[in-house]
């Protein structure tokens, strides 16, 4: 948006510098080709979820384009009261594009974006209808269906009749994960019960762990966590139980959480992970802004068909050939429209 004008300014600076220097001097360019800002939600930059994934997308763009580290930065929120001032600070600092990962930023972006009409904003995973905001969306219910298939097949093979789901906050976006998971489980065996709980935030790992304890104690064989940093508690509980010889599993979200579940013997307590490629979405939006083609006021939707969402088979020991085959069959049917996954949980 400001990109083309800035490129012209930089070019003028370079030419001016050349005119006033001897042939042995090199021009100095003091401006970044693009300035990128990230404001995290309260989960933090290392939440092993959306914030971290988005930041990794920024780092990937920077590496590919030899972008100096002074040209990109993040501010880490400790409460929702930080969202408006941090977004505004990034705007005041002259960022060309500011990325806010997660639906918790809807109100703050609606407030801040109009104040910086020449700045490109991106909200990841929800919609903000402003002319300078791109909404990067994911059909989260689709990969959730696939991990539901995996959970149900794993539980059924073990003779278990219950699986679990732990969400962060009970908003539509997070309920879409639950909806897909439930439908995937039911496609394998509709008699398998899905226990569900919501932490109430995305940061309280101790509460996530407590809910996992509760569900495992109630007979859940696999628990799918969609709770940001709070979900790390679910994985921690599964790890502890598997270290003691208990046959239970966790399912990760947003990025491959296989290594987060590693045990002392080198195996992992994470069966699979539902992927939403937040980093790829962020990188795409940066590339569009850098090219002067930022599609403000529109939505970019990632699906199984576009490769923007998926699931992992990193745990090759646990994700057996029959489970992978069933997941791949379901994925093909979702891509061709034979299976349409809902976004409202059928409880």
C-alpha atoms as a PDB file:
ATOM      1  CA  UNK A   1       0.000   0.000   0.000  1.00  0.00           C
ATOM      2  CA  UNK A   2       2.762   2.437   0.970  1.00  0.00           C
ATOM      3  CA  UNK A   3       5.168   0.066  -0.748  1.00  0.00           C
ATOM      4  CA  UNK A   4       5.379   1.611  -4.214  1.00  0.00           C
ATOM      5  CA  UNK A   5       5.840   5.106  -2.838  1.00  0.00           C
ATOM      6  CA  UNK A   6       8.572   3.888  -0.492  1.00  0.00           C
ATOM      7  CA  UNK A   7      10.385   2.124  -3.305  1.00  0.00           C
ATOM      8  CA  UNK A   8      10.433   5.383  -5.256  1.00  0.00           C
ATOM      9  CA  UNK A   9      11.802   7.250  -2.227  1.00  0.00           C
ATOM     10  CA  UNK A  10      14.523   4.647  -1.716  1.00  0.00           C
ATOM     11  CA  UNK A  11      15.450   4.781  -5.402  1.00  0.00           C
ATOM     12  CA  UNK A  12      15.691   8.564  -5.256  1.00  0.00           C
ATOM     13  CA  UNK A  13      17.913   8.342  -2.182  1.00  0.00           C
ATOM     14  CA  UNK A  14      20.203   5.901  -3.936  1.00  0.00           C
ATOM     15  CA  UNK A  15      20.500   8.067  -7.067  1.00  0.00           C
ATOM     16  CA  UNK A  16      21.107  11.166  -4.971  1.00  0.00           C
ATOM     17  CA  UNK A  17      23.796   9.366  -3.029  1.00  0.00           C
ATOM     18  CA  UNK A  18      25.486   8.216  -6.222  1.00  0.00           C
ATOM     19  CA  UNK A  19      25.522  11.739  -7.624  1.00  0.00           C
ATOM     20  CA  UNK A  20      27.265  13.160  -4.594  1.00  0.00           C
ATOM     21  CA  UNK A  21      29.839  10.404  -4.016  1.00  0.00           C
ATOM     22  CA  UNK A  22      33.046   9.384  -5.637  1.00  0.00           C
ATOM     23  CA  UNK A  23      33.261   6.135  -7.556  1.00  0.00           C
ATOM     24  CA  UNK A  24      34.816   4.470  -4.473  1.00  0.00           C
ATOM     25  CA  UNK A  25      31.856   5.296  -2.254  1.00  0.00           C
ATOM     26  CA  UNK A  26      28.773   3.104  -1.806  1.00  0.00           C
ATOM     27  CA  UNK A  27      25.278   4.567  -1.501  1.00  0.00           C
ATOM     28  CA  UNK A  28      23.588   4.314   1.857  1.00  0.00           C
ATOM     29  CA  UNK A  29      20.004   3.137   1.949  1.00  0.00           C
ATOM     30  CA  UNK A  30      18.485   3.772   5.349  1.00  0.00           C
ATOM     31  CA  UNK A  31      14.997   2.469   4.702  1.00  0.00           C
ATOM     32  CA  UNK A  32      13.782  -1.113   4.815  1.00  0.00           C
ATOM     33  CA  UNK A  33      12.234  -2.410   1.573  1.00  0.00           C
ATOM     34  CA  UNK A  34       9.305  -3.472   3.752  1.00  0.00           C
ATOM     35  CA  UNK A  35       8.660  -3.162   7.473  1.00  0.00           C
ATOM     36  CA  UNK A  36       6.745  -6.026   9.081  1.00  0.00           C
ATOM     37  CA  UNK A  37       5.142  -6.052  12.513  1.00  0.00           C
ATOM     38  CA  UNK A  38       3.502  -8.799  14.550  1.00  0.00           C
ATOM     39  CA  UNK A  39       1.394  -8.337  17.662  1.00  0.00           C
ATOM     40  CA  UNK A  40       0.873 -11.595  19.534  1.00  0.00           C
ATOM     41  CA  UNK A  41      -2.143 -12.465  21.599  1.00  0.00           C
ATOM     42  CA  UNK A  42      -1.661 -13.440  25.244  1.00  0.00           C
ATOM     43  CA  UNK A  43      -0.364 -16.886  24.311  1.00  0.00           C
ATOM     44  CA  UNK A  44       3.058 -15.389  23.570  1.00  0.00           C
ATOM     45  CA  UNK A  45       5.525 -15.743  20.719  1.00  0.00           C
ATOM     46  CA  UNK A  46       6.482 -19.307  21.717  1.00  0.00           C
ATOM     47  CA  UNK A  47       2.977 -20.697  22.209  1.00  0.00           C
ATOM     48  CA  UNK A  48       3.691 -23.602  19.823  1.00  0.00           C
ATOM     49  CA  UNK A  49       0.552 -22.462  18.039  1.00  0.00           C
ATOM     50  CA  UNK A  50      -0.674 -19.489  15.987  1.00  0.00           C
ATOM     51  CA  UNK A  51       1.657 -16.792  17.320  1.00  0.00           C
ATOM     52  CA  UNK A  52       4.747 -18.927  16.843  1.00  0.00           C
ATOM     53  CA  UNK A  53       3.610 -20.216  13.457  1.00  0.00           C
ATOM     54  CA  UNK A  54       2.900 -16.702  12.190  1.00  0.00           C
ATOM     55  CA  UNK A  55       6.287 -15.461  13.380  1.00  0.00           C
ATOM     56  CA  UNK A  56       7.973 -18.380  11.625  1.00  0.00           C
ATOM     57  CA  UNK A  57       6.256 -17.273   8.400  1.00  0.00           C
ATOM     58  CA  UNK A  58       7.697 -13.779   8.850  1.00  0.00           C
ATOM     59  CA  UNK A  59      11.150 -15.228   9.493  1.00  0.00           C
ATOM     60  CA  UNK A  60      10.838 -17.393   6.368  1.00  0.00           C
ATOM     61  CA  UNK A  61      10.012 -14.334   4.251  1.00  0.00           C
ATOM     62  CA  UNK A  62      12.915 -12.415   5.808  1.00  0.00           C
ATOM     63  CA  UNK A  63      15.364 -15.229   5.107  1.00  0.00           C
ATOM     64  CA  UNK A  64      14.248 -15.711   1.510  1.00  0.00           C
ATOM     65  CA  UNK A  65      14.481 -11.996   0.807  1.00  0.00           C
ATOM     66  CA  UNK A  66      17.620 -11.185   2.837  1.00  0.00           C
ATOM     67  CA  UNK A  67      15.598  -8.775   4.945  1.00  0.00           C
ATOM     68  CA  UNK A  68      17.642  -7.159   7.742  1.00  0.00           C
ATOM     69  CA  UNK A  69      16.454  -8.021  11.253  1.00  0.00           C
ATOM     70  CA  UNK A  70      15.774  -4.318  11.870  1.00  0.00           C
ATOM     71  CA  UNK A  71      12.935  -4.524   9.334  1.00  0.00           C
ATOM     72  CA  UNK A  72      10.677  -6.880  11.287  1.00  0.00           C
ATOM     73  CA  UNK A  73       9.682  -7.179  14.930  1.00  0.00           C
ATOM     74  CA  UNK A  74       6.967  -8.299  17.305  1.00  0.00           C
ATOM     75  CA  UNK A  75       5.237  -7.035  20.414  1.00  0.00           C
ATOM     76  CA  UNK A  76       4.077  -9.638  22.895  1.00  0.00           C
ATOM     77  CA  UNK A  77       0.733  -9.002  24.612  1.00  0.00           C
ATOM     78  CA  UNK A  78       0.277  -9.954  28.246  1.00  0.00           C
ATOM     79  CA  UNK A  79      -3.421  -9.033  28.339  1.00  0.00           C
ATOM     80  CA  UNK A  80      -6.120  -8.057  25.865  1.00  0.00           C
ATOM     81  CA  UNK A  81      -5.639  -4.470  27.040  1.00  0.00           C
ATOM     82  CA  UNK A  82      -2.362  -4.485  25.085  1.00  0.00           C
ATOM     83  CA  UNK A  83      -3.956  -5.104  21.685  1.00  0.00           C
ATOM     84  CA  UNK A  84      -5.015  -1.564  20.758  1.00  0.00           C
ATOM     85  CA  UNK A  85      -1.896   0.237  22.062  1.00  0.00           C
ATOM     86  CA  UNK A  86       0.469  -2.345  20.548  1.00  0.00           C
ATOM     87  CA  UNK A  87      -1.228  -2.259  17.134  1.00  0.00           C
ATOM     88  CA  UNK A  88      -1.168   1.541  17.294  1.00  0.00           C
ATOM     89  CA  UNK A  89       2.503   1.533  18.283  1.00  0.00           C
ATOM     90  CA  UNK A  90       3.309  -0.580  15.238  1.00  0.00           C
ATOM     91  CA  UNK A  91       1.349   1.867  13.078  1.00  0.00           C
ATOM     92  CA  UNK A  92       3.180   4.824  14.579  1.00  0.00           C
ATOM     93  CA  UNK A  93       6.493   3.057  13.944  1.00  0.00           C
ATOM     94  CA  UNK A  94       5.701   3.064  10.219  1.00  0.00           C
ATOM     95  CA  UNK A  95       5.185  -0.638   9.668  1.00  0.00           C
ATOM     96  CA  UNK A  96       4.018  -1.411   6.138  1.00  0.00           C
ATOM     97  CA  UNK A  97       2.158  -4.534   7.229  1.00  0.00           C
ATOM     98  CA  UNK A  98       0.978  -5.516  10.709  1.00  0.00           C
ATOM     99  CA  UNK A  99      -0.189  -9.047  11.428  1.00  0.00           C
ATOM    100  CA  UNK A 100      -2.484 -10.029  14.293  1.00  0.00           C
ATOM    101  CA  UNK A 101      -2.913 -13.796  14.754  1.00  0.00           C
ATOM    102  CA  UNK A 102      -6.282 -14.881  16.095  1.00  0.00           C
ATOM    103  CA  UNK A 103      -9.888 -13.845  16.436  1.00  0.00           C
ATOM    104  CA  UNK A 104      -9.190 -12.089  19.746  1.00  0.00           C
ATOM    105  CA  UNK A 105      -8.012  -9.119  17.645  1.00  0.00           C
ATOM    106  CA  UNK A 106     -11.343  -8.444  15.916  1.00  0.00           C
ATOM    107  CA  UNK A 107     -12.431  -5.483  18.063  1.00  0.00           C
ATOM    108  CA  UNK A 108      -8.963  -3.953  18.345  1.00  0.00           C
ATOM    109  CA  UNK A 109      -8.349  -4.107  14.591  1.00  0.00           C
ATOM    110  CA  UNK A 110     -11.721  -2.563  13.879  1.00  0.00           C
ATOM    111  CA  UNK A 111     -10.670   0.281  16.157  1.00  0.00           C
ATOM    112  CA  UNK A 112      -7.075   0.714  14.991  1.00  0.00           C
ATOM    113  CA  UNK A 113      -7.074  -0.040  11.244  1.00  0.00           C
ATOM    114  CA  UNK A 114      -9.122   3.065  10.251  1.00  0.00           C
ATOM    115  CA  UNK A 115      -6.514   5.239  11.997  1.00  0.00           C
ATOM    116  CA  UNK A 116      -3.785   3.969   9.657  1.00  0.00           C
ATOM    117  CA  UNK A 117      -5.448   3.783   6.215  1.00  0.00           C
ATOM    118  CA  UNK A 118      -2.104   3.446   4.366  1.00  0.00           C
ATOM    119  CA  UNK A 119      -0.981   0.488   6.490  1.00  0.00           C
ATOM    120  CA  UNK A 120      -1.775  -3.106   5.550  1.00  0.00           C
ATOM    121  CA  UNK A 121      -3.228  -5.213   8.366  1.00  0.00           C
ATOM    122  CA  UNK A 122      -3.796  -8.967   8.479  1.00  0.00           C
ATOM    123  CA  UNK A 123      -6.011 -10.838  10.899  1.00  0.00           C
ATOM    124  CA  UNK A 124      -5.348 -14.555  11.004  1.00  0.00           C
ATOM    125  CA  UNK A 125      -8.297 -16.881  11.514  1.00  0.00           C
ATOM    126  CA  UNK A 126     -11.239 -14.476  11.496  1.00  0.00           C
ATOM    127  CA  UNK A 127     -12.826 -11.616   9.567  1.00  0.00           C
ATOM    128  CA  UNK A 128     -12.398  -7.875   9.985  1.00  0.00           C
ATOM    129  CA  UNK A 129     -14.256  -5.873   7.351  1.00  0.00           C
ATOM    130  CA  UNK A 130     -11.982  -2.896   6.834  1.00  0.00           C
ATOM    131  CA  UNK A 131     -10.591  -1.734   3.453  1.00  0.00           C
ATOM    132  CA  UNK A 132      -6.961  -2.124   4.592  1.00  0.00           C
ATOM    133  CA  UNK A 133      -7.373  -5.491   6.329  1.00  0.00           C
ATOM    134  CA  UNK A 134      -6.974  -8.941   4.795  1.00  0.00           C
ATOM    135  CA  UNK A 135      -8.676 -11.775   6.663  1.00  0.00           C
ATOM    136  CA  UNK A 136      -6.612 -14.978   6.421  1.00  0.00           C
ATOM    137  CA  UNK A 137      -9.055 -17.797   7.083  1.00  0.00           C
ATOM    138  CA  UNK A 138      -8.780 -21.568   7.448  1.00  0.00           C
ATOM    139  CA  UNK A 139     -11.383 -24.276   7.133  1.00  0.00           C
ATOM    140  CA  UNK A 140     -10.286 -25.655  10.501  1.00  0.00           C
ATOM    141  CA  UNK A 141     -13.115 -28.159  10.543  1.00  0.00           C
ATOM    142  CA  UNK A 142     -11.502 -30.072   7.660  1.00  0.00           C
ATOM    143  CA  UNK A 143      -8.208 -31.135   9.302  1.00  0.00           C
ATOM    144  CA  UNK A 144     -10.155 -31.627  12.530  1.00  0.00           C
ATOM    145  CA  UNK A 145     -12.308 -34.200  10.743  1.00  0.00           C
ATOM    146  CA  UNK A 146      -9.160 -36.077   9.729  1.00  0.00           C
ATOM    147  CA  UNK A 147      -7.670 -36.176  13.228  1.00  0.00           C
ATOM    148  CA  UNK A 148     -11.113 -37.265  14.444  1.00  0.00           C
ATOM    149  CA  UNK A 149     -10.885 -40.233  12.094  1.00  0.00           C
ATOM    150  CA  UNK A 150      -7.424 -41.050  13.483  1.00  0.00           C
ATOM    151  CA  UNK A 151      -8.581 -40.683  17.101  1.00  0.00           C
ATOM    152  CA  UNK A 152     -11.605 -42.926  16.619  1.00  0.00           C
ATOM    153  CA  UNK A 153      -9.657 -45.642  14.801  1.00  0.00           C
ATOM    154  CA  UNK A 154      -6.940 -45.613  17.454  1.00  0.00           C
ATOM    155  CA  UNK A 155      -9.514 -45.735  20.265  1.00  0.00           C
ATOM    156  CA  UNK A 156     -11.547 -48.471  18.611  1.00  0.00           C
ATOM    157  CA  UNK A 157      -8.453 -50.650  18.091  1.00  0.00           C
ATOM    158  CA  UNK A 158      -7.708 -50.307  21.809  1.00  0.00           C
ATOM    159  CA  UNK A 159     -11.269 -51.175  22.820  1.00  0.00           C
ATOM    160  CA  UNK A 160     -11.926 -47.650  24.127  1.00  0.00           C
ATOM    161  CA  UNK A 161     -15.322 -46.003  23.820  1.00  0.00           C
ATOM    162  CA  UNK A 162     -14.460 -42.361  24.608  1.00  0.00           C
ATOM    163  CA  UNK A 163     -12.254 -39.623  23.187  1.00  0.00           C
ATOM    164  CA  UNK A 164     -11.855 -36.039  24.361  1.00  0.00           C
ATOM    165  CA  UNK A 165     -11.669 -32.446  23.156  1.00  0.00           C
ATOM    166  CA  UNK A 166     -10.224 -29.480  25.084  1.00  0.00           C
ATOM    167  CA  UNK A 167     -10.779 -26.043  23.562  1.00  0.00           C
ATOM    168  CA  UNK A 168      -9.497 -22.647  24.610  1.00  0.00           C
ATOM    169  CA  UNK A 169     -12.491 -20.299  24.571  1.00  0.00           C
ATOM    170  CA  UNK A 170     -15.931 -21.287  23.353  1.00  0.00           C
ATOM    171  CA  UNK A 171     -16.106 -19.058  20.301  1.00  0.00           C
ATOM    172  CA  UNK A 172     -17.343 -20.037  16.848  1.00  0.00           C
ATOM    173  CA  UNK A 173     -13.817 -20.442  15.481  1.00  0.00           C
ATOM    174  CA  UNK A 174     -12.825 -22.925  18.192  1.00  0.00           C
ATOM    175  CA  UNK A 175     -16.173 -24.706  18.038  1.00  0.00           C
ATOM    176  CA  UNK A 176     -15.540 -25.343  14.333  1.00  0.00           C
ATOM    177  CA  UNK A 177     -12.556 -27.484  15.355  1.00  0.00           C
ATOM    178  CA  UNK A 178     -14.787 -29.418  17.725  1.00  0.00           C
ATOM    179  CA  UNK A 179     -17.452 -29.837  15.045  1.00  0.00           C
ATOM    180  CA  UNK A 180     -15.038 -31.337  12.535  1.00  0.00           C
ATOM    181  CA  UNK A 181     -13.483 -33.586  15.154  1.00  0.00           C
ATOM    182  CA  UNK A 182     -16.857 -34.918  16.233  1.00  0.00           C
ATOM    183  CA  UNK A 183     -17.884 -35.631  12.649  1.00  0.00           C
ATOM    184  CA  UNK A 184     -14.620 -37.431  11.946  1.00  0.00           C
ATOM    185  CA  UNK A 185     -15.040 -39.577  15.048  1.00  0.00           C
ATOM    186  CA  UNK A 186     -18.658 -40.391  14.161  1.00  0.00           C
ATOM    187  CA  UNK A 187     -17.687 -41.369  10.618  1.00  0.00           C
ATOM    188  CA  UNK A 188     -15.669 -44.231  12.105  1.00  0.00           C
ATOM    189  CA  UNK A 189     -18.009 -45.187  14.934  1.00  0.00           C
ATOM    190  CA  UNK A 190     -20.997 -43.051  15.969  1.00  0.00           C
ATOM    191  CA  UNK A 191     -21.165 -44.832  19.340  1.00  0.00           C
ATOM    192  CA  UNK A 192     -17.834 -43.365  20.487  1.00  0.00           C
ATOM    193  CA  UNK A 193     -18.514 -40.610  23.016  1.00  0.00           C
ATOM    194  CA  UNK A 194     -16.714 -37.271  22.692  1.00  0.00           C
ATOM    195  CA  UNK A 195     -16.036 -35.599  26.040  1.00  0.00           C
ATOM    196  CA  UNK A 196     -15.485 -31.852  25.766  1.00  0.00           C
ATOM    197  CA  UNK A 197     -14.341 -28.966  27.966  1.00  0.00           C
ATOM    198  CA  UNK A 198     -13.185 -25.382  27.424  1.00  0.00           C
ATOM    199  CA  UNK A 199     -10.353 -23.797  29.407  1.00  0.00           C
ATOM    200  CA  UNK A 200     -11.711 -20.256  29.228  1.00  0.00           C
ATOM    201  CA  UNK A 201      -8.469 -18.807  27.843  1.00  0.00           C
ATOM    202  CA  UNK A 202      -5.469 -19.730  25.698  1.00  0.00           C
ATOM    203  CA  UNK A 203      -2.683 -19.335  28.261  1.00  0.00           C
ATOM    204  CA  UNK A 204      -3.459 -21.426  31.360  1.00  0.00           C
ATOM    205  CA  UNK A 205      -1.492 -24.647  30.820  1.00  0.00           C
ATOM    206  CA  UNK A 206      -2.314 -25.735  34.374  1.00  0.00           C
ATOM    207  CA  UNK A 207      -6.048 -25.588  33.603  1.00  0.00           C
ATOM    208  CA  UNK A 208      -5.520 -27.416  30.328  1.00  0.00           C
ATOM    209  CA  UNK A 209      -3.645 -30.107  32.231  1.00  0.00           C
ATOM    210  CA  UNK A 210      -6.413 -30.357  34.831  1.00  0.00           C
ATOM    211  CA  UNK A 211      -9.061 -30.802  32.139  1.00  0.00           C
ATOM    212  CA  UNK A 212      -6.949 -33.494  30.499  1.00  0.00           C
ATOM    213  CA  UNK A 213      -6.649 -35.280  33.842  1.00  0.00           C
ATOM    214  CA  UNK A 214     -10.419 -35.111  34.193  1.00  0.00           C
ATOM    215  CA  UNK A 215     -11.106 -36.491  30.720  1.00  0.00           C
ATOM    216  CA  UNK A 216      -8.479 -39.236  30.913  1.00  0.00           C
ATOM    217  CA  UNK A 217      -9.892 -40.247  34.289  1.00  0.00           C
ATOM    218  CA  UNK A 218     -13.348 -40.399  32.712  1.00  0.00           C
ATOM    219  CA  UNK A 219     -12.091 -42.827  30.080  1.00  0.00           C
ATOM    220  CA  UNK A 220     -10.953 -40.648  27.157  1.00  0.00           C
ATOM    221  CA  UNK A 221      -8.338 -42.522  25.153  1.00  0.00           C
ATOM    222  CA  UNK A 222      -7.265 -39.612  22.933  1.00  0.00           C
ATOM    223  CA  UNK A 223      -7.656 -35.871  23.624  1.00  0.00           C
ATOM    224  CA  UNK A 224      -7.576 -33.263  20.858  1.00  0.00           C
ATOM    225  CA  UNK A 225      -6.440 -29.905  22.239  1.00  0.00           C
ATOM    226  CA  UNK A 226      -7.238 -26.598  20.524  1.00  0.00           C
ATOM    227  CA  UNK A 227      -6.212 -24.230  23.279  1.00  0.00           C
ATOM    228  CA  UNK A 228      -2.972 -22.466  22.339  1.00  0.00           C
ATOM    229  CA  UNK A 229      -0.503 -22.378  25.225  1.00  0.00           C
ATOM    230  CA  UNK A 230      -3.184 -23.825  27.520  1.00  0.00           C
ATOM    231  CA  UNK A 231      -3.212 -26.904  25.305  1.00  0.00           C
ATOM    232  CA  UNK A 232       0.408 -27.563  26.202  1.00  0.00           C
ATOM    233  CA  UNK A 233      -0.959 -28.787  29.520  1.00  0.00           C
ATOM    234  CA  UNK A 234      -2.989 -31.449  27.706  1.00  0.00           C
ATOM    235  CA  UNK A 235       0.131 -32.725  25.967  1.00  0.00           C
ATOM    236  CA  UNK A 236       2.072 -32.623  29.235  1.00  0.00           C
ATOM    237  CA  UNK A 237      -0.562 -34.780  30.942  1.00  0.00           C
ATOM    238  CA  UNK A 238      -0.538 -37.311  28.099  1.00  0.00           C
ATOM    239  CA  UNK A 239       3.264 -37.447  28.291  1.00  0.00           C
ATOM    240  CA  UNK A 240       3.276 -38.081  32.026  1.00  0.00           C
ATOM    241  CA  UNK A 241       0.744 -40.867  31.718  1.00  0.00           C
ATOM    242  CA  UNK A 242       2.557 -42.551  28.842  1.00  0.00           C
ATOM    243  CA  UNK A 243       5.838 -42.373  30.762  1.00  0.00           C
ATOM    244  CA  UNK A 244       4.062 -44.357  33.492  1.00  0.00           C
ATOM    245  CA  UNK A 245       2.895 -46.943  30.971  1.00  0.00           C
ATOM    246  CA  UNK A 246      -0.681 -45.716  30.466  1.00  0.00           C
ATOM    247  CA  UNK A 247      -2.023 -46.072  26.918  1.00  0.00           C
ATOM    248  CA  UNK A 248      -3.369 -42.582  26.157  1.00  0.00           C
ATOM    249  CA  UNK A 249      -2.721 -39.992  23.464  1.00  0.00           C
ATOM    250  CA  UNK A 250      -2.907 -36.280  22.732  1.00  0.00           C
ATOM    251  CA  UNK A 251      -3.541 -34.576  19.381  1.00  0.00           C
ATOM    252  CA  UNK A 252      -1.814 -31.297  18.578  1.00  0.00           C
ATOM    253  CA  UNK A 253      -3.054 -28.301  16.627  1.00  0.00           C
ATOM    254  CA  UNK A 254      -1.972 -25.569  14.202  1.00  0.00           C
ATOM    255  CA  UNK A 255       1.583 -26.915  13.796  1.00  0.00           C
ATOM    256  CA  UNK A 256       3.245 -30.317  14.121  1.00  0.00           C
ATOM    257  CA  UNK A 257       3.500 -30.856  17.884  1.00  0.00           C
ATOM    258  CA  UNK A 258       5.187 -34.252  17.666  1.00  0.00           C
ATOM    259  CA  UNK A 259       8.363 -33.039  19.390  1.00  0.00           C
ATOM    260  CA  UNK A 260       6.332 -31.445  22.194  1.00  0.00           C
ATOM    261  CA  UNK A 261       5.156 -34.928  23.126  1.00  0.00           C
ATOM    262  CA  UNK A 262       8.558 -36.655  23.069  1.00  0.00           C
ATOM    263  CA  UNK A 263       9.179 -39.196  25.831  1.00  0.00           C
ATOM    264  CA  UNK A 264      12.448 -40.417  27.289  1.00  0.00           C
ATOM    265  CA  UNK A 265      12.426 -43.445  24.962  1.00  0.00           C
ATOM    266  CA  UNK A 266      12.168 -41.238  21.874  1.00  0.00           C
ATOM    267  CA  UNK A 267       8.504 -41.980  21.156  1.00  0.00           C
ATOM    268  CA  UNK A 268       5.841 -39.271  21.289  1.00  0.00           C
ATOM    269  CA  UNK A 269       2.561 -38.895  23.171  1.00  0.00           C
ATOM    270  CA  UNK A 270       1.206 -36.851  20.232  1.00  0.00           C
ATOM    271  CA  UNK A 271      -0.685 -39.124  17.852  1.00  0.00           C
ATOM    272  CA  UNK A 272      -1.067 -36.521  15.109  1.00  0.00           C
ATOM    273  CA  UNK A 273      -1.635 -32.778  14.723  1.00  0.00           C
ATOM    274  CA  UNK A 274      -4.232 -30.802  12.781  1.00  0.00           C
ATOM    275  CA  UNK A 275      -2.373 -28.218  10.742  1.00  0.00           C
ATOM    276  CA  UNK A 276      -3.316 -24.660   9.912  1.00  0.00           C
ATOM    277  CA  UNK A 277      -0.434 -23.116   8.019  1.00  0.00           C
ATOM    278  CA  UNK A 278      -0.536 -19.693   9.684  1.00  0.00           C
ATOM    279  CA  UNK A 279       3.052 -19.006   8.679  1.00  0.00           C
ATOM    280  CA  UNK A 280       2.311 -19.665   5.021  1.00  0.00           C
ATOM    281  CA  UNK A 281      -0.717 -17.351   5.182  1.00  0.00           C
ATOM    282  CA  UNK A 282       1.335 -14.583   6.788  1.00  0.00           C
ATOM    283  CA  UNK A 283       4.112 -15.002   4.228  1.00  0.00           C
ATOM    284  CA  UNK A 284       1.636 -14.838   1.338  1.00  0.00           C
ATOM    285  CA  UNK A 285       0.164 -11.592   2.640  1.00  0.00           C
ATOM    286  CA  UNK A 286       3.634 -10.064   3.062  1.00  0.00           C
ATOM    287  CA  UNK A 287       4.538 -11.053  -0.494  1.00  0.00           C
ATOM    288  CA  UNK A 288       1.363  -9.417  -1.800  1.00  0.00           C
ATOM    289  CA  UNK A 289       2.110  -6.222   0.114  1.00  0.00           C
ATOM    290  CA  UNK A 290       5.714  -6.202  -1.111  1.00  0.00           C
ATOM    291  CA  UNK A 291       4.455  -6.516  -4.700  1.00  0.00           C
ATOM    292  CA  UNK A 292       1.957  -3.694  -4.259  1.00  0.00           C
ATOM    293  CA  UNK A 293      -0.924  -6.132  -4.628  1.00  0.00           C
ATOM    294  CA  UNK A 294      -2.256  -6.324  -1.057  1.00  0.00           C
ATOM    295  CA  UNK A 295      -5.961  -7.248  -1.409  1.00  0.00           C
ATOM    296  CA  UNK A 296      -7.326  -5.174   1.462  1.00  0.00           C
ATOM    297  CA  UNK A 297     -10.967  -5.745   2.329  1.00  0.00           C
ATOM    298  CA  UNK A 298     -10.937  -9.354   1.152  1.00  0.00           C
ATOM    299  CA  UNK A 299     -10.536 -12.824   2.668  1.00  0.00           C
ATOM    300  CA  UNK A 300      -8.014 -15.505   1.727  1.00  0.00           C
ATOM    301  CA  UNK A 301      -9.372 -18.953   2.635  1.00  0.00           C
ATOM    302  CA  UNK A 302      -7.086 -21.955   3.153  1.00  0.00           C
ATOM    303  CA  UNK A 303      -8.600 -25.425   2.710  1.00  0.00           C
ATOM    304  CA  UNK A 304      -7.499 -29.010   2.238  1.00  0.00           C
ATOM    305  CA  UNK A 305      -7.939 -28.483  -1.489  1.00  0.00           C
ATOM    306  CA  UNK A 306      -5.570 -25.485  -1.493  1.00  0.00           C
ATOM    307  CA  UNK A 307      -3.061 -27.179   0.809  1.00  0.00           C
ATOM    308  CA  UNK A 308      -3.543 -24.531   3.488  1.00  0.00           C
ATOM    309  CA  UNK A 309      -4.619 -27.045   6.132  1.00  0.00           C
ATOM    310  CA  UNK A 310      -3.781 -30.688   6.776  1.00  0.00           C
ATOM    311  CA  UNK A 311      -2.668 -33.253   9.329  1.00  0.00           C
ATOM    312  CA  UNK A 312       0.597 -34.951  10.297  1.00  0.00           C
ATOM    313  CA  UNK A 313       1.881 -38.498  10.008  1.00  0.00           C
ATOM    314  CA  UNK A 314       5.144 -37.796  11.841  1.00  0.00           C
ATOM    315  CA  UNK A 315       4.355 -40.425  14.471  1.00  0.00           C
ATOM    316  CA  UNK A 316       4.858 -43.290  12.054  1.00  0.00           C
ATOM    317  CA  UNK A 317       4.623 -45.910  14.778  1.00  0.00           C
ATOM    318  CA  UNK A 318       1.223 -44.758  16.029  1.00  0.00           C
ATOM    319  CA  UNK A 319      -0.272 -43.562  12.738  1.00  0.00           C
ATOM    320  CA  UNK A 320      -0.453 -47.006  11.217  1.00  0.00           C
ATOM    321  CA  UNK A 321      -1.036 -47.643   7.511  1.00  0.00           C
ATOM    322  CA  UNK A 322      -4.747 -48.337   7.952  1.00  0.00           C
ATOM    323  CA  UNK A 323      -5.270 -45.072   9.854  1.00  0.00           C
ATOM    324  CA  UNK A 324      -3.370 -43.045   7.268  1.00  0.00           C
ATOM    325  CA  UNK A 325      -5.301 -44.712   4.450  1.00  0.00           C
ATOM    326  CA  UNK A 326      -8.617 -43.842   6.112  1.00  0.00           C
ATOM    327  CA  UNK A 327      -7.509 -40.232   6.659  1.00  0.00           C
ATOM    328  CA  UNK A 328      -6.353 -39.924   3.058  1.00  0.00           C
ATOM    329  CA  UNK A 329      -9.630 -41.341   1.789  1.00  0.00           C
ATOM    330  CA  UNK A 330     -11.567 -38.834   3.898  1.00  0.00           C
ATOM    331  CA  UNK A 331      -9.303 -36.004   2.723  1.00  0.00           C
ATOM    332  CA  UNK A 332      -9.947 -36.872  -0.917  1.00  0.00           C
ATOM    333  CA  UNK A 333     -13.698 -36.878  -0.317  1.00  0.00           C
ATOM    334  CA  UNK A 334     -13.539 -33.507   1.426  1.00  0.00           C
ATOM    335  CA  UNK A 335     -11.516 -32.045  -1.446  1.00  0.00           C
ATOM    336  CA  UNK A 336     -13.977 -33.236  -4.090  1.00  0.00           C
ATOM    337  CA  UNK A 337     -17.027 -32.180  -2.084  1.00  0.00           C
ATOM    338  CA  UNK A 338     -18.308 -35.665  -1.312  1.00  0.00           C
ATOM    339  CA  UNK A 339     -17.888 -34.869   2.389  1.00  0.00           C
ATOM    340  CA  UNK A 340     -18.876 -31.397   3.592  1.00  0.00           C
ATOM    341  CA  UNK A 341     -17.741 -30.778   7.157  1.00  0.00           C
ATOM    342  CA  UNK A 342     -19.899 -28.638   9.413  1.00  0.00           C
ATOM    343  CA  UNK A 343     -18.771 -25.845  11.740  1.00  0.00           C
ATOM    344  CA  UNK A 344     -21.298 -26.307  14.561  1.00  0.00           C
ATOM    345  CA  UNK A 345     -20.712 -29.150  17.031  1.00  0.00           C
ATOM    346  CA  UNK A 346     -23.342 -31.880  17.041  1.00  0.00           C
ATOM    347  CA  UNK A 347     -23.431 -32.541  20.762  1.00  0.00           C
END
